[in-house]
Amino acid sequence: MSRQLPPQPNLEQLKKQAKDLLRAIQSGDPEAFSILRQHLPRLGGATGAPAGADEVSLQEVQFSLAREYGFRDWNWLQAVVQVDFE
C-alpha cells in the first residue's frame, strides 16, 4: 500500500482517479504501469508499458488502485467510502 485515503474520500473522485490512471497507462506512462504491475499477476515481471497496455481494463485499474489504498478490491473500497463517508 502506498496511498492513503483523504479524510473525506469521495467515490466519484476515486472513479475519476482510476480513469486518469487508465489513460496514463494507455499513453505509455511507465510510472502508471508500475502501479498495475505490482497488483496484477498476469503482467508478471514486465517492465515499462507493454505493447498490450491498451488492453488493460478499467476494472483492472480499479482493482490496482484499491490495492494501493490497502483494500482487498474495488468493491471493498467502494463499500467503505459509501458507508463510512457518504
PDB file of N, CA and C in Angstrom:
ATOM      1  N   MET A   1       0.852  -1.177   0.000  1.00  0.00           N
ATOM      2  CA  MET A   1       0.000   0.000   0.000  1.00  0.00           C
ATOM      3  C   MET A   1       0.897   1.238   0.000  1.00  0.00           C
ATOM      4  N   SER A   2       0.651   2.122  -0.927  1.00  0.00           N
ATOM      5  CA  SER A   2       1.469   3.324  -0.976  1.00  0.00           C
ATOM      6  C   SER A   2       0.634   4.590  -1.003  1.00  0.00           C
ATOM      7  N   ARG A   3      -0.669   4.461  -0.880  1.00  0.00           N
ATOM      8  CA  ARG A   3      -1.546   5.638  -0.863  1.00  0.00           C
ATOM      9  C   ARG A   3      -2.401   5.616   0.390  1.00  0.00           C
ATOM     10  N   GLN A   4      -2.843   6.785   0.777  1.00  0.00           N
ATOM     11  CA  GLN A   4      -3.731   6.899   1.924  1.00  0.00           C
ATOM     12  C   GLN A   4      -4.963   7.682   1.496  1.00  0.00           C
ATOM     13  N   LEU A   5      -6.137   7.178   1.865  1.00  0.00           N
ATOM     14  CA  LEU A   5      -7.374   7.874   1.527  1.00  0.00           C
ATOM     15  C   LEU A   5      -7.385   9.246   2.188  1.00  0.00           C
ATOM     16  N   PRO A   6      -7.943  10.241   1.511  1.00  0.00           N
ATOM     17  CA  PRO A   6      -8.087  11.544   2.155  1.00  0.00           C
ATOM     18  C   PRO A   6      -9.091  11.441   3.307  1.00  0.00           C
ATOM     19  N   PRO A   7      -9.120  12.430   4.191  1.00  0.00           N
ATOM     20  CA  PRO A   7     -10.026  12.370   5.340  1.00  0.00           C
ATOM     21  C   PRO A   7     -11.500  12.196   4.959  1.00  0.00           C
ATOM     22  N   GLN A   8     -11.936  12.764   3.855  1.00  0.00           N
ATOM     23  CA  GLN A   8     -13.312  12.629   3.382  1.00  0.00           C
ATOM     24  C   GLN A   8     -13.303  12.136   1.935  1.00  0.00           C
ATOM     25  N   PRO A   9     -13.012  10.840   1.706  1.00  0.00           N
ATOM     26  CA  PRO A   9     -12.932  10.352   0.333  1.00  0.00           C
ATOM     27  C   PRO A   9     -14.277  10.430  -0.377  1.00  0.00           C
ATOM     28  N   ASN A  10     -14.210  10.637  -1.665  1.00  0.00           N
ATOM     29  CA  ASN A  10     -15.390  10.777  -2.497  1.00  0.00           C
ATOM     30  C   ASN A  10     -15.319   9.716  -3.588  1.00  0.00           C
ATOM     31  N   LEU A  11     -16.359   8.914  -3.726  1.00  0.00           N
ATOM     32  CA  LEU A  11     -16.351   7.824  -4.694  1.00  0.00           C
ATOM     33  C   LEU A  11     -16.190   8.336  -6.120  1.00  0.00           C
ATOM     34  N   GLU A  12     -16.835   9.443  -6.441  1.00  0.00           N
ATOM     35  CA  GLU A  12     -16.715   9.986  -7.795  1.00  0.00           C
ATOM     36  C   GLU A  12     -15.274  10.408  -8.086  1.00  0.00           C
ATOM     37  N   GLN A  13     -14.607  10.968  -7.112  1.00  0.00           N
ATOM     38  CA  GLN A  13     -13.206  11.354  -7.288  1.00  0.00           C
ATOM     39  C   GLN A  13     -12.321  10.123  -7.462  1.00  0.00           C
ATOM     40  N   LEU A  14     -12.610   9.055  -6.729  1.00  0.00           N
ATOM     41  CA  LEU A  14     -11.842   7.821  -6.874  1.00  0.00           C
ATOM     42  C   LEU A  14     -12.063   7.196  -8.258  1.00  0.00           C
ATOM     43  N   LYS A  15     -13.298   7.264  -8.761  1.00  0.00           N
ATOM     44  CA  LYS A  15     -13.575   6.768 -10.109  1.00  0.00           C
ATOM     45  C   LYS A  15     -12.802   7.579 -11.148  1.00  0.00           C
ATOM     46  N   LYS A  16     -12.763   8.881 -10.958  1.00  0.00           N
ATOM     47  CA  LYS A  16     -12.018   9.744 -11.876  1.00  0.00           C
ATOM     48  C   LYS A  16     -10.526   9.426 -11.806  1.00  0.00           C
ATOM     49  N   GLN A  17     -10.038   9.182 -10.621  1.00  0.00           N
ATOM     50  CA  GLN A  17      -8.631   8.837 -10.428  1.00  0.00           C
ATOM     51  C   GLN A  17      -8.295   7.541 -11.185  1.00  0.00           C
ATOM     52  N   ALA A  18      -9.195   6.561 -11.127  1.00  0.00           N
ATOM     53  CA  ALA A  18      -8.982   5.303 -11.841  1.00  0.00           C
ATOM     54  C   ALA A  18      -8.975   5.533 -13.349  1.00  0.00           C
ATOM     55  N   LYS A  19      -9.882   6.347 -13.846  1.00  0.00           N
ATOM     56  CA  LYS A  19      -9.925   6.630 -15.284  1.00  0.00           C
ATOM     57  C   LYS A  19      -8.679   7.389 -15.733  1.00  0.00           C
ATOM     58  N   ASP A  20      -8.217   8.308 -14.909  1.00  0.00           N
ATOM     59  CA  ASP A  20      -6.982   9.047 -15.231  1.00  0.00           C
ATOM     60  C   ASP A  20      -5.789   8.102 -15.276  1.00  0.00           C
ATOM     61  N   LEU A  21      -5.744   7.156 -14.340  1.00  0.00           N
ATOM     62  CA  LEU A  21      -4.659   6.183 -14.309  1.00  0.00           C
ATOM     63  C   LEU A  21      -4.715   5.288 -15.548  1.00  0.00           C
ATOM     64  N   LEU A  22      -5.911   4.894 -15.953  1.00  0.00           N
ATOM     65  CA  LEU A  22      -6.067   4.081 -17.153  1.00  0.00           C
ATOM     66  C   LEU A  22      -5.551   4.826 -18.381  1.00  0.00           C
ATOM     67  N   ARG A  23      -5.909   6.090 -18.506  1.00  0.00           N
ATOM     68  CA  ARG A  23      -5.429   6.892 -19.644  1.00  0.00           C
ATOM     69  C   ARG A  23      -3.905   7.008 -19.631  1.00  0.00           C
ATOM     70  N   ALA A  24      -3.329   7.172 -18.449  1.00  0.00           N
ATOM     71  CA  ALA A  24      -1.870   7.271 -18.337  1.00  0.00           C
ATOM     72  C   ALA A  24      -1.209   5.958 -18.769  1.00  0.00           C
ATOM     73  N   ILE A  25      -1.803   4.854 -18.386  1.00  0.00           N
ATOM     74  CA  ILE A  25      -1.269   3.541 -18.770  1.00  0.00           C
ATOM     75  C   ILE A  25      -1.357   3.371 -20.274  1.00  0.00           C
ATOM     76  N   GLN A  26      -2.498   3.730 -20.835  1.00  0.00           N
ATOM     77  CA  GLN A  26      -2.699   3.582 -22.274  1.00  0.00           C
ATOM     78  C   GLN A  26      -1.786   4.500 -23.083  1.00  0.00           C
ATOM     79  N   SER A  27      -1.371   5.602 -22.486  1.00  0.00           N
ATOM     80  CA  SER A  27      -0.472   6.510 -23.197  1.00  0.00           C
ATOM     81  C   SER A  27       0.993   6.104 -23.028  1.00  0.00           C
ATOM     82  N   GLY A  28       1.232   5.031 -22.261  1.00  0.00           N
ATOM     83  CA  GLY A  28       2.582   4.508 -22.135  1.00  0.00           C
ATOM     84  C   GLY A  28       3.380   5.026 -20.954  1.00  0.00           C
ATOM     85  N   ASP A  29       2.728   5.617 -19.978  1.00  0.00           N
ATOM     86  CA  ASP A  29       3.416   6.132 -18.796  1.00  0.00           C
ATOM     87  C   ASP A  29       3.950   4.966 -17.954  1.00  0.00           C
ATOM     88  N   PRO A  30       5.277   4.787 -17.888  1.00  0.00           N
ATOM     89  CA  PRO A  30       5.831   3.650 -17.142  1.00  0.00           C
ATOM     90  C   PRO A  30       5.559   3.713 -15.641  1.00  0.00           C
ATOM     91  N   GLU A  31       5.462   4.897 -15.085  1.00  0.00           N
ATOM     92  CA  GLU A  31       5.170   5.026 -13.645  1.00  0.00           C
ATOM     93  C   GLU A  31       3.758   4.530 -13.348  1.00  0.00           C
ATOM     94  N   ALA A  32       2.815   4.894 -14.203  1.00  0.00           N
ATOM     95  CA  ALA A  32       1.436   4.425 -14.019  1.00  0.00           C
ATOM     96  C   ALA A  32       1.363   2.917 -14.196  1.00  0.00           C
ATOM     97  N   PHE A  33       2.086   2.405 -15.185  1.00  0.00           N
ATOM     98  CA  PHE A  33       2.077   0.966 -15.425  1.00  0.00           C
ATOM     99  C   PHE A  33       2.694   0.207 -14.258  1.00  0.00           C
ATOM    100  N   SER A  34       3.651   0.788 -13.583  1.00  0.00           N
ATOM    101  CA  SER A  34       4.285   0.099 -12.448  1.00  0.00           C
ATOM    102  C   SER A  34       3.285  -0.152 -11.320  1.00  0.00           C
ATOM    103  N   ILE A  35       2.291   0.715 -11.170  1.00  0.00           N
ATOM    104  CA  ILE A  35       1.238   0.502 -10.163  1.00  0.00           C
ATOM    105  C   ILE A  35       0.469  -0.774 -10.500  1.00  0.00           C
ATOM    106  N   LEU A  36       0.127  -0.933 -11.769  1.00  0.00           N
ATOM    107  CA  LEU A  36      -0.586  -2.134 -12.195  1.00  0.00           C
ATOM    108  C   LEU A  36       0.262  -3.374 -12.007  1.00  0.00           C
ATOM    109  N   ARG A  37       1.504  -3.293 -12.392  1.00  0.00           N
ATOM    110  CA  ARG A  37       2.400  -4.442 -12.337  1.00  0.00           C
ATOM    111  C   ARG A  37       2.512  -4.986 -10.904  1.00  0.00           C
ATOM    112  N   GLN A  38       2.414  -4.121  -9.918  1.00  0.00           N
ATOM    113  CA  GLN A  38       2.515  -4.547  -8.521  1.00  0.00           C
ATOM    114  C   GLN A  38       1.338  -5.409  -8.091  1.00  0.00           C
ATOM    115  N   HIS A  39       0.185  -5.222  -8.738  1.00  0.00           N
ATOM    116  CA  HIS A  39      -1.042  -5.855  -8.261  1.00  0.00           C
ATOM    117  C   HIS A  39      -1.675  -6.849  -9.222  1.00  0.00           C
ATOM    118  N   LEU A  40      -1.183  -6.924 -10.440  1.00  0.00           N
ATOM    119  CA  LEU A  40      -1.768  -7.837 -11.420  1.00  0.00           C
ATOM    120  C   LEU A  40      -0.757  -8.926 -11.808  1.00  0.00           C
ATOM    121  N   PRO A  41      -0.969 -10.135 -11.332  1.00  0.00           N
ATOM    122  CA  PRO A  41      -0.031 -11.217 -11.622  1.00  0.00           C
ATOM    123  C   PRO A  41       0.147 -11.483 -13.113  1.00  0.00           C
ATOM    124  N   ARG A  42      -0.871 -11.233 -13.921  1.00  0.00           N
ATOM    125  CA  ARG A  42      -0.762 -11.541 -15.347  1.00  0.00           C
ATOM    126  C   ARG A  42       0.311 -10.714 -16.037  1.00  0.00           C
ATOM    127  N   LEU A  43       0.701  -9.602 -15.422  1.00  0.00           N
ATOM    128  CA  LEU A  43       1.731  -8.758 -16.021  1.00  0.00           C
ATOM    129  C   LEU A  43       3.125  -9.226 -15.643  1.00  0.00           C
ATOM    130  N   GLY A  44       3.193 -10.121 -14.667  1.00  0.00           N
ATOM    131  CA  GLY A  44       4.466 -10.720 -14.284  1.00  0.00           C
ATOM    132  C   GLY A  44       5.560  -9.703 -14.052  1.00  0.00           C
ATOM    133  N   GLY A  45       6.706  -9.972 -14.609  1.00  0.00           N
ATOM    134  CA  GLY A  45       7.859  -9.099 -14.413  1.00  0.00           C
ATOM    135  C   GLY A  45       8.027  -8.094 -15.527  1.00  0.00           C
ATOM    136  N   ALA A  46       6.973  -7.770 -16.233  1.00  0.00           N
ATOM    137  CA  ALA A  46       7.077  -6.809 -17.335  1.00  0.00           C
ATOM    138  C   ALA A  46       7.620  -5.482 -16.822  1.00  0.00           C
ATOM    139  N   THR A  47       8.453  -4.877 -17.604  1.00  0.00           N
ATOM    140  CA  THR A  47       8.982  -3.564 -17.240  1.00  0.00           C
ATOM    141  C   THR A  47       8.490  -2.547 -18.253  1.00  0.00           C
ATOM    142  N   GLY A  48       8.305  -1.333 -17.798  1.00  0.00           N
ATOM    143  CA  GLY A  48       7.775  -0.304 -18.691  1.00  0.00           C
ATOM    144  C   GLY A  48       6.349  -0.636 -19.064  1.00  0.00           C
ATOM    145  N   ALA A  49       5.842   0.001 -20.089  1.00  0.00           N
ATOM    146  CA  ALA A  49       4.486  -0.258 -20.558  1.00  0.00           C
ATOM    147  C   ALA A  49       4.551  -1.285 -21.681  1.00  0.00           C
ATOM    148  N   PRO A  50       3.838  -2.405 -21.550  1.00  0.00           N
ATOM    149  CA  PRO A  50       3.896  -3.421 -22.590  1.00  0.00           C
ATOM    150  C   PRO A  50       3.143  -2.983 -23.834  1.00  0.00           C
ATOM    151  N   ALA A  51       3.373  -3.700 -24.907  1.00  0.00           N
ATOM    152  CA  ALA A  51       2.697  -3.387 -26.159  1.00  0.00           C
ATOM    153  C   ALA A  51       1.186  -3.486 -25.996  1.00  0.00           C
ATOM    154  N   GLY A  52       0.691  -4.365 -25.108  1.00  0.00           N
ATOM    155  CA  GLY A  52      -0.742  -4.544 -24.912  1.00  0.00           C
ATOM    156  C   GLY A  52      -1.324  -3.674 -23.818  1.00  0.00           C
ATOM    157  N   ALA A  53      -0.669  -2.590 -23.460  1.00  0.00           N
ATOM    158  CA  ALA A  53      -1.167  -1.735 -22.373  1.00  0.00           C
ATOM    159  C   ALA A  53      -2.558  -1.195 -22.681  1.00  0.00           C
ATOM    160  N   ASP A  54      -2.875  -1.074 -23.966  1.00  0.00           N
ATOM    161  CA  ASP A  54      -4.207  -0.585 -24.317  1.00  0.00           C
ATOM    162  C   ASP A  54      -5.278  -1.637 -24.052  1.00  0.00           C
ATOM    163  N   GLU A  55      -4.874  -2.873 -23.716  1.00  0.00           N
ATOM    164  CA  GLU A  55      -5.821  -3.936 -23.398  1.00  0.00           C
ATOM    165  C   GLU A  55      -6.116  -4.030 -21.903  1.00  0.00           C
ATOM    166  N   VAL A  56      -5.517  -3.163 -21.114  1.00  0.00           N
ATOM    167  CA  VAL A  56      -5.784  -3.127 -19.673  1.00  0.00           C
ATOM    168  C   VAL A  56      -7.185  -2.553 -19.479  1.00  0.00           C
ATOM    169  N   SER A  57      -7.976  -3.230 -18.652  1.00  0.00           N
ATOM    170  CA  SER A  57      -9.356  -2.794 -18.446  1.00  0.00           C
ATOM    171  C   SER A  57      -9.467  -1.818 -17.264  1.00  0.00           C
ATOM    172  N   LEU A  58     -10.553  -1.078 -17.263  1.00  0.00           N
ATOM    173  CA  LEU A  58     -10.832  -0.172 -16.147  1.00  0.00           C
ATOM    174  C   LEU A  58     -10.969  -0.971 -14.855  1.00  0.00           C
ATOM    175  N   GLN A  59     -11.544  -2.158 -14.928  1.00  0.00           N
ATOM    176  CA  GLN A  59     -11.692  -2.993 -13.730  1.00  0.00           C
ATOM    177  C   GLN A  59     -10.330  -3.357 -13.147  1.00  0.00           C
ATOM    178  N   GLU A  60      -9.373  -3.652 -13.993  1.00  0.00           N
ATOM    179  CA  GLU A  60      -8.034  -3.982 -13.509  1.00  0.00           C
ATOM    180  C   GLU A  60      -7.385  -2.768 -12.853  1.00  0.00           C
ATOM    181  N   VAL A  61      -7.612  -1.614 -13.425  1.00  0.00           N
ATOM    182  CA  VAL A  61      -7.061  -0.386 -12.854  1.00  0.00           C
ATOM    183  C   VAL A  61      -7.731  -0.091 -11.514  1.00  0.00           C
ATOM    184  N   GLN A  62      -9.047  -0.240 -11.447  1.00  0.00           N
ATOM    185  CA  GLN A  62      -9.758  -0.014 -10.188  1.00  0.00           C
ATOM    186  C   GLN A  62      -9.271  -0.981  -9.113  1.00  0.00           C
ATOM    187  N   PHE A  63      -9.080  -2.240  -9.471  1.00  0.00           N
ATOM    188  CA  PHE A  63      -8.562  -3.230  -8.533  1.00  0.00           C
ATOM    189  C   PHE A  63      -7.197  -2.790  -8.008  1.00  0.00           C
ATOM    190  N   SER A  64      -6.310  -2.396  -8.924  1.00  0.00           N
ATOM    191  CA  SER A  64      -4.959  -1.982  -8.537  1.00  0.00           C
ATOM    192  C   SER A  64      -4.989  -0.744  -7.647  1.00  0.00           C
ATOM    193  N   LEU A  65      -5.861   0.192  -7.975  1.00  0.00           N
ATOM    194  CA  LEU A  65      -5.981   1.406  -7.173  1.00  0.00           C
ATOM    195  C   LEU A  65      -6.493   1.059  -5.769  1.00  0.00           C
ATOM    196  N   ALA A  66      -7.479   0.183  -5.690  1.00  0.00           N
ATOM    197  CA  ALA A  66      -7.983  -0.240  -4.378  1.00  0.00           C
ATOM    198  C   ALA A  66      -6.871  -0.898  -3.568  1.00  0.00           C
ATOM    199  N   ARG A  67      -6.063  -1.736  -4.213  1.00  0.00           N
ATOM    200  CA  ARG A  67      -4.943  -2.375  -3.522  1.00  0.00           C
ATOM    201  C   ARG A  67      -3.933  -1.336  -3.047  1.00  0.00           C
ATOM    202  N   GLU A  68      -3.716  -0.298  -3.843  1.00  0.00           N
ATOM    203  CA  GLU A  68      -2.808   0.775  -3.444  1.00  0.00           C
ATOM    204  C   GLU A  68      -3.289   1.444  -2.158  1.00  0.00           C
ATOM    205  N   TYR A  69      -4.615   1.531  -1.998  1.00  0.00           N
ATOM    206  CA  TYR A  69      -5.188   2.134  -0.797  1.00  0.00           C
ATOM    207  C   TYR A  69      -5.325   1.130   0.352  1.00  0.00           C
ATOM    208  N   GLY A  70      -4.909  -0.119   0.117  1.00  0.00           N
ATOM    209  CA  GLY A  70      -4.920  -1.111   1.177  1.00  0.00           C
ATOM    210  C   GLY A  70      -6.187  -1.931   1.279  1.00  0.00           C
ATOM    211  N   PHE A  71      -7.030  -1.895   0.260  1.00  0.00           N
ATOM    212  CA  PHE A  71      -8.262  -2.675   0.272  1.00  0.00           C
ATOM    213  C   PHE A  71      -8.103  -3.937  -0.557  1.00  0.00           C
ATOM    214  N   ARG A  72      -8.946  -4.924  -0.263  1.00  0.00           N
ATOM    215  CA  ARG A  72      -8.879  -6.206  -0.965  1.00  0.00           C
ATOM    216  C   ARG A  72      -9.177  -6.042  -2.447  1.00  0.00           C
ATOM    217  N   ASP A  73     -10.176  -5.217  -2.764  1.00  0.00           N
ATOM    218  CA  ASP A  73     -10.543  -4.973  -4.156  1.00  0.00           C
ATOM    219  C   ASP A  73     -11.392  -3.704  -4.233  1.00  0.00           C
ATOM    220  N   TRP A  74     -11.813  -3.359  -5.435  1.00  0.00           N
ATOM    221  CA  TRP A  74     -12.573  -2.123  -5.660  1.00  0.00           C
ATOM    222  C   TRP A  74     -13.896  -2.139  -4.895  1.00  0.00           C
ATOM    223  N   ASN A  75     -14.557  -3.293  -4.842  1.00  0.00           N
ATOM    224  CA  ASN A  75     -15.842  -3.370  -4.144  1.00  0.00           C
ATOM    225  C   ASN A  75     -15.704  -3.024  -2.670  1.00  0.00           C
ATOM    226  N   TRP A  76     -14.636  -3.475  -2.041  1.00  0.00           N
ATOM    227  CA  TRP A  76     -14.404  -3.144  -0.629  1.00  0.00           C
ATOM    228  C   TRP A  76     -14.143  -1.653  -0.458  1.00  0.00           C
ATOM    229  N   LEU A  77     -13.328  -1.098  -1.330  1.00  0.00           N
ATOM    230  CA  LEU A  77     -13.050   0.340  -1.260  1.00  0.00           C
ATOM    231  C   LEU A  77     -14.342   1.126  -1.433  1.00  0.00           C
ATOM    232  N   GLN A  78     -15.122   0.759  -2.427  1.00  0.00           N
ATOM    233  CA  GLN A  78     -16.396   1.425  -2.690  1.00  0.00           C
ATOM    234  C   GLN A  78     -17.335   1.324  -1.502  1.00  0.00           C
ATOM    235  N   ALA A  79     -17.438   0.159  -0.908  1.00  0.00           N
ATOM    236  CA  ALA A  79     -18.331  -0.030   0.244  1.00  0.00           C
ATOM    237  C   ALA A  79     -17.914   0.821   1.427  1.00  0.00           C
ATOM    238  N   VAL A  80     -16.633   0.854   1.707  1.00  0.00           N
ATOM    239  CA  VAL A  80     -16.143   1.652   2.843  1.00  0.00           C
ATOM    240  C   VAL A  80     -16.426   3.138   2.619  1.00  0.00           C
ATOM    241  N   VAL A  81     -16.163   3.608   1.432  1.00  0.00           N
ATOM    242  CA  VAL A  81     -16.390   5.030   1.141  1.00  0.00           C
ATOM    243  C   VAL A  81     -17.864   5.357   1.235  1.00  0.00           C
ATOM    244  N   GLN A  82     -18.719   4.509   0.688  1.00  0.00           N
ATOM    245  CA  GLN A  82     -20.161   4.779   0.712  1.00  0.00           C
ATOM    246  C   GLN A  82     -20.741   4.690   2.116  1.00  0.00           C
ATOM    247  N   VAL A  83     -20.341   3.702   2.894  1.00  0.00           N
ATOM    248  CA  VAL A  83     -20.893   3.504   4.224  1.00  0.00           C
ATOM    249  C   VAL A  83     -20.319   4.489   5.233  1.00  0.00           C
ATOM    250  N   ASP A  84     -19.017   4.690   5.185  1.00  0.00           N
ATOM    251  CA  ASP A  84     -18.368   5.494   6.218  1.00  0.00           C
ATOM    252  C   ASP A  84     -18.316   6.988   5.913  1.00  0.00           C
ATOM    253  N   PHE A  85     -18.373   7.368   4.650  1.00  0.00           N
ATOM    254  CA  PHE A  85     -18.093   8.763   4.335  1.00  0.00           C
ATOM    255  C   PHE A  85     -19.194   9.484   3.550  1.00  0.00           C
ATOM    256  N   GLU A  86     -20.145   8.776   2.970  1.00  0.00           N
ATOM    257  CA  GLU A  86     -21.157   9.475   2.180  1.00  0.00           C
ATOM    258  C   GLU A  86     -22.488   9.506   2.881  1.00  0.00           C
TER     259      GLU A  86
END
